[in-house]
């Protein structure tokens, strides 16, 4: 446990761990007053399995946090030979599931290291700030205390093209600093023959606690599960969310074992999860997807505001501009990957002309596989890409009176994306992460799949960011793949209602969904290989239960 404030809460949590059979090593920041250290030690003196490691003055973004973690971990390995996994936590972390469940989970995975570990080349892990440069520049100044020197020195290195050499054999990885490593992997990192060289290098890396163990574990471990067992959420600026008493129902739905950061005055949370009866309490089934959706909505409200609401903290985002095309049209992303017969189904139920990928890289996929469409539009990709905007506006103009729909995806030419986002006539419906389904079924070598998945995810993430931007005028509906397959019927109803709201009939048929059995294992393998699939949401392991055959009817109000 890394502690520096609210020590009375840290003492409560340390006692909870120790009384449930988990030895605890506490690192206390050296800047904590001696009287506070003495009180913490006195409060825990009756527990024989609690130790205090050598104290180091810790500062955010510096190597001191790695030193503190390493020192405490070395003491844990020395004094407690029975320990099989070492779990790193902070003084503001709170166990939110019974300790016995964590012990059982680790016992069932004795050789698995649980640590988020993602390569910077594949996926941008950080929110703003520096990614690759944190490993190739030098950072001798404190970002918090010496901001002008920090920024000035970074700009100076960029100006003169200074590049640090990454030590041979190291592939930089990033991830949450809250890990759970096996005894074997942790010992191998701390006793590595090149540790002195590694430490010298990481001493000038920015925020090394998010990269030191995350990088070195790839050298010593044979079984890395790239996820943290600690629930830690961040806002759109990269700052950690704080959990309060009114988050208790939310925390009960997570599948994590520990939550961070907990407000020190959250008495209800501490009393509930640290009480002797906590292990006996009945808990609902974990639903981490619900937590992700809630935080996504919080970010959206914080960044966009609410139309018509003017307040000191946030004005609503202003919308400008008008229609860019002659008539409404629909853009679908991910649906054809989920439903093989989506084109023919949508044509029947929405009374629309449904094209394939109009912006496919090889050729324009007009409906009916036509080579020339209305207005003399050719299926030549070269002609289309000469002016994508004119191509689309011509297609919509020449087919006025008939609703046009087409597929779009991260594998298509993306130059048209800003136009689509800014057109009020566009209805864009997107299932994020569905591009992984064809990759999963492709049978290609996994290194190729991993690289392609990272590339497509970056493109789709940029498109989603564009759709969520302030200049978007299109009507958009975005589902994660996990949310969509949990209940696909209602979104399909919404699609038909949006495209043809005056249709006198109700849906009487639904498209056939691709069998996704085993898809969650594919996503986990991507994580284990260092690629973080973030757009799919929390896909359930038993996808075969998330079927579309839940019926066609839904309640309607009649007045």
Protein backbone atom coordinates (compact mmCIF):
# COMPACT_ATOMS: atom_id res chain seq x y z
CA UNK A 1 0.00 0.00 0.00
CA UNK A 2 1.33 3.43 -1.02
CA UNK A 3 0.04 5.94 1.55
CA UNK A 4 0.51 9.65 2.10
CA UNK A 5 -2.80 11.08 3.35
CA UNK A 6 -6.00 10.11 5.21
CA UNK A 7 -3.92 7.63 7.22
CA UNK A 8 -6.83 6.64 9.45
CA UNK A 9 -8.57 5.25 6.36
CA UNK A 10 -5.37 3.53 5.27
CA UNK A 11 -5.18 1.89 8.70
CA UNK A 12 -8.76 0.60 8.35
CA UNK A 13 -8.05 -0.92 4.96
CA UNK A 14 -4.71 -2.42 6.02
CA UNK A 15 -6.38 -4.05 9.02
CA UNK A 16 -9.11 -5.44 6.75
CA UNK A 17 -6.50 -7.04 4.47
CA UNK A 18 -4.43 -8.44 7.33
CA UNK A 19 -7.39 -9.88 9.24
CA UNK A 20 -8.41 -11.75 6.09
CA UNK A 21 -5.07 -13.48 5.69
CA UNK A 22 -3.24 -11.03 3.44
CA UNK A 23 0.16 -9.74 4.63
CA UNK A 24 0.52 -5.99 4.12
CA UNK A 25 3.58 -3.83 3.47
CA UNK A 26 2.93 -0.10 3.82
CA UNK A 27 5.07 2.55 2.18
CA UNK A 28 4.53 5.91 3.87
CA UNK A 29 5.65 9.03 2.04
CA UNK A 30 8.71 10.49 3.74
CA UNK A 31 7.06 13.92 3.85
CA UNK A 32 4.40 12.64 6.24
CA UNK A 33 4.99 14.01 9.74
CA UNK A 34 6.68 11.69 12.23
CA UNK A 35 3.83 11.94 14.70
CA UNK A 36 1.38 10.75 12.02
CA UNK A 37 3.69 7.86 11.14
CA UNK A 38 3.93 6.87 14.80
CA UNK A 39 0.17 6.92 15.21
CA UNK A 40 -0.36 4.75 12.12
CA UNK A 41 2.23 2.26 13.39
CA UNK A 42 0.62 2.20 16.83
CA UNK A 43 -2.85 1.61 15.37
CA UNK A 44 -1.57 -1.46 13.53
CA UNK A 45 0.93 -2.74 16.10
CA UNK A 46 -1.27 -5.68 17.12
CA UNK A 47 -1.16 -7.20 13.63
CA UNK A 48 1.96 -9.35 13.09
CA UNK A 49 1.64 -9.50 9.28
CA UNK A 50 2.01 -5.78 8.67
CA UNK A 51 5.36 -4.22 7.77
CA UNK A 52 6.57 -0.70 6.97
CA UNK A 53 9.10 -0.26 4.16
CA UNK A 54 11.83 2.36 3.93
CA UNK A 55 10.32 5.79 3.31
CA UNK A 56 10.86 7.72 0.08
CA UNK A 57 9.61 11.22 -0.75
CA UNK A 58 7.18 10.59 -3.62
CA UNK A 59 6.12 13.03 -6.31
CA UNK A 60 3.63 12.48 -9.12
CA UNK A 61 5.15 11.71 -12.49
CA UNK A 62 8.61 10.83 -11.14
CA UNK A 63 10.64 7.66 -10.56
CA UNK A 64 10.12 7.97 -6.81
CA UNK A 65 6.80 6.13 -7.10
CA UNK A 66 8.55 3.21 -8.79
CA UNK A 67 11.18 3.21 -6.05
CA UNK A 68 8.50 3.16 -3.35
CA UNK A 69 6.67 0.27 -5.03
CA UNK A 70 9.88 -1.69 -5.59
CA UNK A 71 11.09 -1.20 -2.02
CA UNK A 72 7.80 -2.35 -0.53
CA UNK A 73 7.58 -5.29 -2.95
CA UNK A 74 11.09 -6.46 -2.06
CA UNK A 75 10.19 -6.42 1.63
CA UNK A 76 7.01 -8.38 0.89
CA UNK A 77 8.94 -11.08 -0.98
CA UNK A 78 11.58 -11.29 1.76
CA UNK A 79 9.34 -11.49 4.84
CA UNK A 80 6.40 -13.48 3.45
CA UNK A 81 7.57 -16.50 1.44
CA UNK A 82 4.03 -17.90 1.30
CA UNK A 83 2.77 -15.02 -0.85
CA UNK A 84 2.00 -16.07 -4.43
CA UNK A 85 0.70 -12.75 -5.83
CA UNK A 86 1.54 -9.18 -4.82
CA UNK A 87 -1.27 -6.63 -5.21
CA UNK A 88 -0.29 -2.95 -5.41
CA UNK A 89 -2.84 -0.53 -3.92
CA UNK A 90 -2.93 3.00 -2.57
CA UNK A 91 -4.18 4.37 0.71
CA UNK A 92 -7.33 5.57 -1.05
CA UNK A 93 -8.14 2.11 -2.48
CA UNK A 94 -10.99 0.11 -0.99
CA UNK A 95 -11.71 -3.63 -1.36
CA UNK A 96 -15.24 -3.84 -2.75
CA UNK A 97 -15.53 -7.62 -3.00
CA UNK A 98 -14.77 -10.20 -0.30
CA UNK A 99 -11.06 -10.82 0.10
CA UNK A 100 -11.76 -14.55 -0.13
CA UNK A 101 -13.05 -14.07 -3.69
CA UNK A 102 -9.82 -12.35 -4.67
CA UNK A 103 -7.79 -15.12 -3.04
CA UNK A 104 -9.80 -17.76 -4.90
CA UNK A 105 -9.38 -15.91 -8.18
CA UNK A 106 -5.61 -15.68 -7.79
CA UNK A 107 -5.38 -19.31 -6.66
CA UNK A 108 -7.18 -20.32 -9.84
CA UNK A 109 -4.59 -18.35 -11.89
CA UNK A 110 -1.30 -19.06 -10.07
CA UNK A 111 0.91 -18.18 -13.06
CA UNK A 112 -1.02 -15.16 -14.37
CA UNK A 113 0.15 -11.55 -14.03
CA UNK A 114 -2.75 -9.10 -13.95
CA UNK A 115 -1.39 -5.81 -15.26
CA UNK A 116 -2.64 -3.46 -17.94
CA UNK A 117 0.15 -3.45 -20.52
CA UNK A 118 -0.43 -1.82 -23.90
CA UNK A 119 2.12 -0.81 -26.52
CA UNK A 120 2.20 2.85 -27.51
CA UNK A 121 2.57 1.88 -31.16
CA UNK A 122 -0.78 0.10 -31.31
CA UNK A 123 -3.15 2.12 -29.13
CA UNK A 124 -2.95 5.59 -27.60
CA UNK A 125 -3.42 4.84 -23.92
CA UNK A 126 -3.08 8.32 -22.47
CA UNK A 127 -5.64 11.11 -22.38
CA UNK A 128 -3.70 14.02 -23.85
CA UNK A 129 -0.09 14.51 -22.81
CA UNK A 130 2.77 12.44 -24.21
CA UNK A 131 2.77 8.88 -25.52
CA UNK A 132 5.88 7.79 -27.39
CA UNK A 133 7.84 10.90 -26.43
CA UNK A 134 7.73 10.04 -22.75
CA UNK A 135 10.19 7.26 -23.62
CA UNK A 136 12.44 9.18 -26.05
CA UNK A 137 12.85 12.57 -24.31
CA UNK A 138 14.35 13.43 -20.93
CA UNK A 139 12.21 14.76 -18.07
CA UNK A 140 14.43 16.06 -15.26
CA UNK A 141 11.94 18.72 -14.13
CA UNK A 142 8.75 18.33 -12.12
CA UNK A 143 5.59 18.78 -14.15
CA UNK A 144 3.69 20.06 -11.10
CA UNK A 145 6.31 22.27 -9.45
CA UNK A 146 8.39 23.38 -12.45
CA UNK A 147 5.88 23.61 -15.25
CA UNK A 148 7.68 26.31 -17.26
CA UNK A 149 10.99 24.46 -17.08
CA UNK A 150 9.23 21.19 -17.94
CA UNK A 151 7.50 22.61 -21.04
CA UNK A 152 10.54 24.62 -22.10
CA UNK A 153 12.89 21.66 -21.91
CA UNK A 154 10.47 19.45 -23.86
CA UNK A 155 10.17 22.09 -26.60
CA UNK A 156 13.96 22.50 -26.69
CA UNK A 157 14.47 18.77 -27.21
CA UNK A 158 11.88 18.73 -29.97
CA UNK A 159 13.47 21.72 -31.67
CA UNK A 160 16.91 20.15 -31.84
CA UNK A 161 15.63 16.63 -32.54
CA UNK A 162 16.98 15.06 -29.35
CA UNK A 163 16.04 11.39 -29.00
CA UNK A 164 16.93 9.03 -26.15
CA UNK A 165 17.82 5.51 -27.16
CA UNK A 166 15.45 2.92 -25.72
CA UNK A 167 17.53 0.08 -24.21
CA UNK A 168 17.87 -2.99 -26.38
CA UNK A 169 15.19 -5.57 -25.76
CA UNK A 170 12.66 -3.15 -24.23
CA UNK A 171 9.35 -2.49 -26.00
CA UNK A 172 7.62 0.41 -24.21
CA UNK A 173 4.23 -0.46 -22.73
CA UNK A 174 1.77 1.69 -20.81
CA UNK A 175 -0.99 0.86 -18.36
CA UNK A 176 -2.58 1.45 -15.00
CA UNK A 177 -0.07 1.58 -12.15
CA UNK A 178 -2.31 -0.66 -10.02
CA UNK A 179 -1.16 -4.19 -10.81
CA UNK A 180 -1.19 -7.67 -9.32
CA UNK A 181 1.95 -9.67 -10.21
CA UNK A 182 3.02 -13.19 -9.41
CA UNK A 183 5.87 -13.73 -7.01
CA UNK A 184 8.01 -15.19 -9.79
CA UNK A 185 7.54 -12.24 -12.17
CA UNK A 186 8.04 -9.62 -9.48
CA UNK A 187 11.20 -11.30 -8.22
CA UNK A 188 12.50 -11.57 -11.79
CA UNK A 189 11.97 -7.83 -12.32
CA UNK A 190 13.60 -6.83 -9.02
CA UNK A 191 16.59 -9.17 -9.43
CA UNK A 192 17.05 -8.76 -13.18
CA UNK A 193 20.75 -8.59 -14.21
CA UNK A 194 20.03 -5.38 -16.13
CA UNK A 195 17.96 -3.72 -13.41
CA UNK A 196 20.51 -0.96 -12.84
CA UNK A 197 20.40 -0.09 -16.55
CA UNK A 198 16.60 -0.24 -16.58
CA UNK A 199 16.36 2.03 -13.54
CA UNK A 200 18.75 4.58 -15.06
CA UNK A 201 16.64 4.71 -18.19
CA UNK A 202 13.23 4.92 -16.48
CA UNK A 203 14.49 7.55 -14.02
CA UNK A 204 14.10 10.12 -16.81
CA UNK A 205 10.90 8.70 -18.32
CA UNK A 206 7.79 10.73 -17.66
CA UNK A 207 5.26 9.07 -15.31
CA UNK A 208 7.33 5.86 -15.07
CA UNK A 209 4.90 4.20 -12.63
CA UNK A 210 2.62 3.75 -15.66
CA UNK A 211 5.35 2.11 -17.75
CA UNK A 212 8.11 0.53 -15.60
CA UNK A 213 6.44 -2.69 -14.49
CA UNK A 214 4.14 -2.62 -17.53
CA UNK A 215 7.18 -2.80 -19.83
CA UNK A 216 9.46 -5.12 -17.81
CA UNK A 217 6.75 -7.70 -17.11
CA UNK A 218 6.75 -8.48 -20.84
CA UNK A 219 10.37 -9.64 -20.51
CA UNK A 220 9.88 -12.03 -17.60
CA UNK A 221 6.27 -13.25 -17.73
CA UNK A 222 4.81 -15.99 -19.87
CA UNK A 223 1.16 -15.27 -19.02
CA UNK A 224 0.08 -11.64 -18.90
CA UNK A 225 -3.61 -10.77 -18.64
CA UNK A 226 -3.71 -7.17 -19.73
CA UNK A 227 -6.20 -5.75 -17.27
CA UNK A 228 -6.16 -4.32 -13.80
CA UNK A 229 -8.12 -5.86 -10.94
CA UNK A 230 -8.64 -2.32 -9.61
CA UNK A 231 -11.52 -0.13 -10.78
CA UNK A 232 -10.02 3.24 -11.66
CA UNK A 233 -11.92 5.71 -13.85
CA UNK A 234 -10.65 8.93 -15.42
CA UNK A 235 -12.39 11.99 -16.81
CA UNK A 236 -11.83 13.50 -20.26
CA UNK A 237 -8.77 15.39 -18.94
CA UNK A 238 -7.15 12.26 -17.55
CA UNK A 239 -7.90 13.03 -13.91
CA UNK A 240 -9.15 10.19 -11.68
CA UNK A 241 -12.80 10.15 -10.70
CA UNK A 242 -13.49 10.12 -6.96
CA UNK A 243 -16.11 7.72 -5.58
CA UNK A 244 -18.54 8.99 -2.95
CA UNK A 245 -21.24 7.41 -0.81
CA UNK A 246 -23.86 7.75 -3.51
CA UNK A 247 -21.74 5.53 -5.79
CA UNK A 248 -22.31 2.46 -3.63
CA UNK A 249 -24.88 0.92 -6.00
CA UNK A 250 -22.53 1.51 -8.90
CA UNK A 251 -19.60 -0.18 -7.15
CA UNK A 252 -21.73 -3.23 -6.43
CA UNK A 253 -22.03 -3.88 -10.18
CA UNK A 254 -18.31 -3.91 -11.01
CA UNK A 255 -16.31 -7.09 -11.50
CA UNK A 256 -13.17 -5.45 -10.05
CA UNK A 257 -11.95 -6.42 -6.59
CA UNK A 258 -10.71 -2.98 -5.47
CA UNK A 259 -11.91 0.56 -6.26
CA UNK A 260 -9.95 3.78 -6.41
CA UNK A 261 -10.16 6.70 -5.53
CA UNK A 262 -12.46 6.70 -2.51
CA UNK A 263 -13.26 10.01 -0.80
CA UNK A 264 -11.92 9.83 2.77
CA UNK A 265 -15.25 11.06 4.18
CA UNK A 266 -17.29 8.39 2.37
CA UNK A 267 -18.35 6.78 5.65
CA UNK A 268 -21.05 4.64 4.04
CA UNK A 269 -18.57 3.03 1.63
CA UNK A 270 -15.98 2.27 4.29
CA UNK A 271 -18.57 1.06 6.81
CA UNK A 272 -20.23 -1.16 4.21
CA UNK A 273 -17.22 -2.80 2.62
CA UNK A 274 -15.04 -3.09 5.71
CA UNK A 275 -17.74 -4.36 8.06
CA UNK A 276 -17.54 -7.95 9.39
CA UNK A 277 -20.81 -8.77 7.62
CA UNK A 278 -19.61 -7.52 4.21
CA UNK A 279 -18.62 -11.03 3.12
CA UNK A 280 -22.14 -12.30 3.78
CA UNK A 281 -23.98 -9.56 1.91
CA UNK A 282 -25.92 -10.50 -1.22
CA UNK A 283 -24.52 -8.72 -4.26
CA UNK A 284 -26.06 -8.26 -7.70
CA UNK A 285 -24.45 -9.81 -10.73
CA UNK A 286 -21.48 -7.77 -12.00
CA UNK A 287 -22.31 -5.44 -14.86
CA UNK A 288 -19.19 -3.41 -15.68
CA UNK A 289 -20.72 -2.28 -18.95
CA UNK A 290 -23.26 -0.23 -16.99
CA UNK A 291 -20.44 1.56 -15.19
CA UNK A 292 -18.71 2.35 -18.48
CA UNK A 293 -21.92 3.76 -19.92
CA UNK A 294 -22.50 5.95 -16.88
CA UNK A 295 -19.03 7.44 -17.01
CA UNK A 296 -19.31 7.91 -20.76
CA UNK A 297 -22.51 9.90 -20.19
CA UNK A 298 -20.76 11.96 -17.53
CA UNK A 299 -17.97 12.82 -19.96
CA UNK A 300 -20.51 13.71 -22.64
CA UNK A 301 -22.41 16.02 -20.30
CA UNK A 302 -19.20 17.64 -19.09
CA UNK A 303 -17.85 18.29 -22.59
CA UNK A 304 -21.09 19.08 -24.45
CA UNK A 305 -23.40 20.53 -21.84
CA UNK A 306 -27.17 20.41 -22.29
CA UNK A 307 -29.01 22.40 -24.95
CA UNK A 308 -30.84 25.38 -23.48
CA UNK A 309 -29.14 25.18 -20.08
CA UNK A 310 -26.89 28.15 -19.27
CA UNK A 311 -24.96 27.95 -16.07
CA UNK A 312 -21.69 29.11 -14.60
CA UNK A 313 -19.86 25.79 -15.05
CA UNK A 314 -20.93 24.87 -18.59
CA UNK A 315 -22.66 26.58 -21.52
CA UNK A 316 -24.34 24.40 -24.14
CA UNK A 317 -22.33 23.79 -27.29
CA UNK A 318 -23.50 26.05 -30.11
CA UNK A 319 -24.61 24.52 -33.40
CA UNK A 320 -24.08 26.29 -36.71
CA UNK A 321 -24.63 25.63 -40.39
CA UNK A 322 -27.37 24.04 -42.45
CA UNK A 323 -28.06 21.06 -44.65
CA UNK A 324 -25.23 19.99 -46.89
CA UNK A 325 -27.24 17.59 -49.05
CA UNK A 326 -30.60 17.52 -50.77
CA UNK A 327 -32.42 14.86 -48.76
CA UNK A 328 -32.09 12.70 -45.65
CA UNK A 329 -29.99 9.55 -45.90
CA UNK A 330 -28.70 6.82 -43.58
CA UNK A 331 -25.13 5.77 -42.81
CA UNK A 332 -24.56 2.43 -41.09
CA UNK A 333 -21.30 1.29 -39.52
CA UNK A 334 -20.82 -2.21 -38.11
CA UNK A 335 -24.27 -3.62 -38.93
CA UNK A 336 -23.19 -5.62 -41.98
CA UNK A 337 -20.48 -7.23 -39.84
CA UNK A 338 -23.09 -8.35 -37.30
CA UNK A 339 -25.87 -9.31 -39.72
CA UNK A 340 -24.92 -11.08 -43.00
CA UNK A 341 -28.36 -10.36 -44.51
CA UNK A 342 -28.57 -6.76 -43.28
CA UNK A 343 -28.80 -5.18 -46.77
CA UNK A 344 -31.75 -7.22 -47.95
CA UNK A 345 -33.51 -6.94 -44.58
CA UNK A 346 -33.19 -3.15 -44.41
CA UNK A 347 -34.38 -2.81 -47.99
CA UNK A 348 -37.59 -4.66 -47.10
CA UNK A 349 -38.42 -3.06 -43.75
CA UNK A 350 -37.36 0.55 -44.40
CA UNK A 351 -38.45 0.93 -48.03
CA UNK A 352 -35.03 2.36 -48.88
CA UNK A 353 -32.25 1.89 -51.45
CA UNK A 354 -29.48 0.17 -49.50
CA UNK A 355 -25.97 0.31 -50.92
CA UNK A 356 -22.87 -1.47 -49.75
CA UNK A 357 -19.69 0.44 -48.89
CA UNK A 358 -19.89 3.48 -51.16
CA UNK A 359 -16.41 4.51 -50.03
CA UNK A 360 -14.70 1.13 -50.16
CA UNK A 361 -11.06 1.48 -51.21
CA UNK A 362 -11.31 -0.67 -54.35
CA UNK A 363 -14.69 0.30 -55.88
CA UNK A 364 -18.06 1.87 -55.14
CA UNK A 365 -20.52 -0.80 -53.98
CA UNK A 366 -23.81 0.46 -55.41
CA UNK A 367 -27.03 -1.38 -54.59
CA UNK A 368 -27.58 -4.32 -56.88
CA UNK A 369 -23.86 -4.26 -57.73
CA UNK A 370 -24.52 -1.69 -60.46
CA UNK A 371 -21.53 -0.26 -62.33
CA UNK A 372 -23.27 3.08 -63.04
CA UNK A 373 -25.87 4.70 -60.78
CA UNK A 374 -28.38 7.48 -61.36
CA UNK A 375 -26.83 10.62 -62.75
CA UNK A 376 -24.04 8.72 -64.47
CA UNK A 377 -22.13 8.06 -61.27
CA UNK A 378 -19.42 5.46 -61.89
CA UNK A 379 -18.28 2.78 -59.47
CA UNK A 380 -14.68 3.90 -60.02
CA UNK A 381 -12.95 4.60 -56.72
CA UNK A 382 -10.52 6.98 -58.43
CA UNK A 383 -13.32 9.15 -59.82
CA UNK A 384 -15.14 9.11 -56.49
CA UNK A 385 -12.03 10.06 -54.50
CA UNK A 386 -11.29 13.02 -56.78
CA UNK A 387 -14.12 14.82 -54.96
CA UNK A 388 -15.90 12.60 -52.37
CA UNK A 389 -18.23 15.40 -51.29
CA UNK A 390 -19.52 16.03 -54.80
CA UNK A 391 -19.92 12.29 -55.33
CA UNK A 392 -22.18 11.92 -52.31
CA UNK A 393 -24.21 15.09 -52.88
CA UNK A 394 -24.76 14.07 -56.51
CA UNK A 395 -25.96 10.64 -55.43
CA UNK A 396 -28.45 12.14 -52.96
CA UNK A 397 -29.63 14.80 -55.46
CA UNK A 398 -30.17 12.36 -58.28
CA UNK A 399 -32.20 9.99 -56.10
CA UNK A 400 -34.48 12.51 -54.38
CA UNK A 401 -37.74 10.93 -53.27
CA UNK A 402 -36.03 7.64 -52.41
CA UNK A 403 -34.21 7.23 -49.11
CA UNK A 404 -30.57 6.25 -49.66
CA UNK A 405 -28.62 4.18 -47.15
CA UNK A 406 -25.06 2.90 -47.31
CA UNK A 407 -22.42 1.14 -45.23
CA UNK A 408 -19.38 2.93 -43.84
CA UNK A 409 -16.49 1.65 -41.77
CA UNK A 410 -12.89 2.17 -40.66
CA UNK A 411 -11.68 0.25 -43.72
CA UNK A 412 -13.24 2.81 -46.08
CA UNK A 413 -11.79 6.05 -47.41
CA UNK A 414 -12.22 8.54 -44.57
CA UNK A 415 -12.04 11.87 -46.40
CA UNK A 416 -15.85 12.05 -46.44
CA UNK A 417 -16.14 11.68 -42.63
CA UNK A 418 -16.15 15.44 -41.75
CA UNK A 419 -18.85 16.03 -44.35
CA UNK A 420 -21.02 13.25 -42.94
CA UNK A 421 -20.64 14.55 -39.39
CA UNK A 422 -21.55 18.10 -40.40
CA UNK A 423 -24.61 17.26 -42.51
CA UNK A 424 -27.96 17.57 -40.66
CA UNK A 425 -29.53 15.29 -43.29
CA UNK A 426 -27.29 12.38 -42.30
CA UNK A 427 -28.49 9.76 -39.84
CA UNK A 428 -25.36 7.91 -38.69
CA UNK A 429 -25.90 4.67 -36.78
CA UNK A 430 -22.74 3.03 -35.51
CA UNK A 431 -21.90 -0.15 -33.60
CA UNK A 432 -18.38 0.51 -32.34
CA UNK A 433 -15.93 -2.36 -32.40
CA UNK A 434 -17.87 -4.53 -34.86
CA UNK A 435 -14.95 -4.30 -37.30
CA UNK A 436 -13.24 -6.96 -35.15
CA UNK A 437 -15.76 -9.64 -36.15
CA UNK A 438 -14.45 -10.12 -39.73
CA UNK A 439 -10.89 -10.13 -38.36
CA UNK A 440 -11.85 -12.81 -35.85
CA UNK A 441 -13.28 -14.97 -38.62
CA UNK A 442 -10.56 -14.21 -41.17
CA UNK A 443 -8.16 -16.99 -40.18
CA UNK A 444 -5.17 -14.68 -40.71
CA UNK A 445 -2.02 -14.96 -38.55
CA UNK A 446 -2.66 -13.34 -35.17
CA UNK A 447 0.18 -10.77 -35.41
CA UNK A 448 -1.46 -9.45 -38.60
CA UNK A 449 -4.88 -9.42 -36.95
CA UNK A 450 -3.50 -7.55 -33.94
CA UNK A 451 -1.87 -4.86 -36.08
CA UNK A 452 -4.94 -4.49 -38.30
CA UNK A 453 -7.27 -4.33 -35.29
CA UNK A 454 -5.17 -1.55 -33.77
CA UNK A 455 -5.21 0.38 -37.06
CA UNK A 456 -8.96 0.05 -37.57
CA UNK A 457 -9.69 0.90 -33.94
CA UNK A 458 -7.68 4.12 -34.23
CA UNK A 459 -9.61 5.11 -37.38
CA UNK A 460 -12.99 4.30 -35.82
CA UNK A 461 -12.08 6.08 -32.58
CA UNK A 462 -11.22 9.21 -34.59
CA UNK A 463 -14.56 8.97 -36.42
CA UNK A 464 -16.45 8.61 -33.13
CA UNK A 465 -14.55 11.57 -31.71
CA UNK A 466 -15.55 13.54 -34.81
CA UNK A 467 -19.20 12.56 -34.33
CA UNK A 468 -19.01 13.63 -30.70
CA UNK A 469 -17.40 16.93 -31.63
CA UNK A 470 -19.06 20.33 -31.36
CA UNK A 471 -19.47 20.80 -35.13
CA UNK A 472 -21.48 17.63 -35.72
CA UNK A 473 -24.94 18.28 -37.18
CA UNK A 474 -25.82 14.72 -38.22
CA UNK A 475 -28.23 12.61 -36.20
CA UNK A 476 -26.10 9.97 -34.55
CA UNK A 477 -26.75 6.81 -32.57
CA UNK A 478 -23.73 4.96 -31.24
CA UNK A 479 -23.76 1.63 -29.47
CA UNK A 480 -20.80 -0.36 -28.27
CA UNK A 481 -20.75 -3.89 -29.58
CA UNK A 482 -21.41 -5.19 -26.05
CA UNK A 483 -24.45 -2.95 -25.58
CA UNK A 484 -25.88 -3.85 -28.97
CA UNK A 485 -25.68 -7.62 -28.68
CA UNK A 486 -27.15 -7.44 -25.17
CA UNK A 487 -30.45 -6.21 -26.64
CA UNK A 488 -30.37 -5.81 -30.44
CA UNK A 489 -34.13 -5.71 -30.97
CA UNK A 490 -34.77 -2.21 -29.65
CA UNK A 491 -31.99 -0.58 -31.71
CA UNK A 492 -33.32 -2.28 -34.85
CA UNK A 493 -36.77 -0.87 -34.08
CA UNK A 494 -35.20 2.56 -33.71
CA UNK A 495 -33.44 2.22 -37.05
CA UNK A 496 -36.69 1.50 -38.88
CA UNK A 497 -38.51 4.29 -37.04
CA UNK A 498 -35.77 6.79 -37.90
CA UNK A 499 -35.57 5.87 -41.57
CA UNK A 500 -39.28 5.47 -42.20
CA UNK A 501 -41.29 7.03 -39.35
CA UNK A 502 -44.51 7.19 -41.36
CA UNK A 503 -44.53 3.51 -42.26
CA UNK A 504 -47.99 2.09 -41.47
CA UNK A 505 -46.65 -1.37 -40.61
CA UNK A 506 -44.59 -2.71 -37.75
CA UNK A 507 -41.55 -4.92 -38.09
CA UNK A 508 -42.42 -8.56 -38.63
CA UNK A 509 -38.92 -9.93 -39.23
CA UNK A 510 -35.40 -9.41 -37.96
CA UNK A 511 -32.03 -10.07 -39.59
CA UNK A 512 -29.97 -13.10 -38.65
CA UNK A 513 -27.10 -12.33 -36.27
CA UNK A 514 -23.66 -13.85 -36.79
CA UNK A 515 -22.76 -16.53 -34.23
CA UNK A 516 -20.34 -14.83 -31.81
CA UNK A 517 -19.50 -17.82 -29.63
CA UNK A 518 -15.83 -17.49 -28.68
CA UNK A 519 -15.55 -13.84 -29.67
CA UNK A 520 -14.85 -12.69 -26.10
CA UNK A 521 -11.86 -15.06 -25.97
CA UNK A 522 -10.55 -13.41 -29.14
CA UNK A 523 -10.80 -9.96 -27.51
CA UNK A 524 -8.97 -11.17 -24.41
CA UNK A 525 -6.21 -12.61 -26.58
CA UNK A 526 -5.82 -9.18 -28.20
CA UNK A 527 -5.36 -7.72 -24.71
CA UNK A 528 -2.89 -10.41 -23.76
CA UNK A 529 -0.87 -9.66 -26.89
CA UNK A 530 -0.61 -5.97 -25.92
CA UNK A 531 -3.48 -4.48 -27.94
CA UNK A 532 -6.31 -2.93 -25.92
CA UNK A 533 -9.74 -3.32 -27.63
CA UNK A 534 -11.50 -0.33 -26.07
CA UNK A 535 -14.37 0.30 -28.52
CA UNK A 536 -16.19 -3.01 -28.10
CA UNK A 537 -17.34 -2.42 -24.54
CA UNK A 538 -17.50 -5.26 -22.01
CA UNK A 539 -18.47 -8.16 -24.27
CA UNK A 540 -19.94 -10.99 -22.15
CA UNK A 541 -18.18 -14.33 -22.11
CA UNK A 542 -21.44 -16.20 -22.81
CA UNK A 543 -22.40 -14.36 -25.98
CA UNK A 544 -24.46 -17.30 -27.08
CA UNK A 545 -27.04 -16.22 -24.49
CA UNK A 546 -27.25 -12.69 -25.91
CA UNK A 547 -29.48 -13.62 -28.82
CA UNK A 548 -31.79 -11.64 -31.01
CA UNK A 549 -34.69 -14.04 -30.54
CA UNK A 550 -36.28 -12.09 -27.70
CA UNK A 551 -39.40 -11.32 -29.65
CA UNK A 552 -40.53 -8.54 -31.91
CA UNK A 553 -43.12 -6.83 -29.77
CA UNK A 554 -42.55 -3.85 -27.54
CA UNK A 555 -44.97 -1.77 -25.46
CA UNK A 556 -46.61 1.28 -27.03
CA UNK A 557 -48.69 4.05 -25.45
CA UNK A 558 -52.02 4.77 -27.09
CA UNK A 559 -53.99 7.89 -26.27
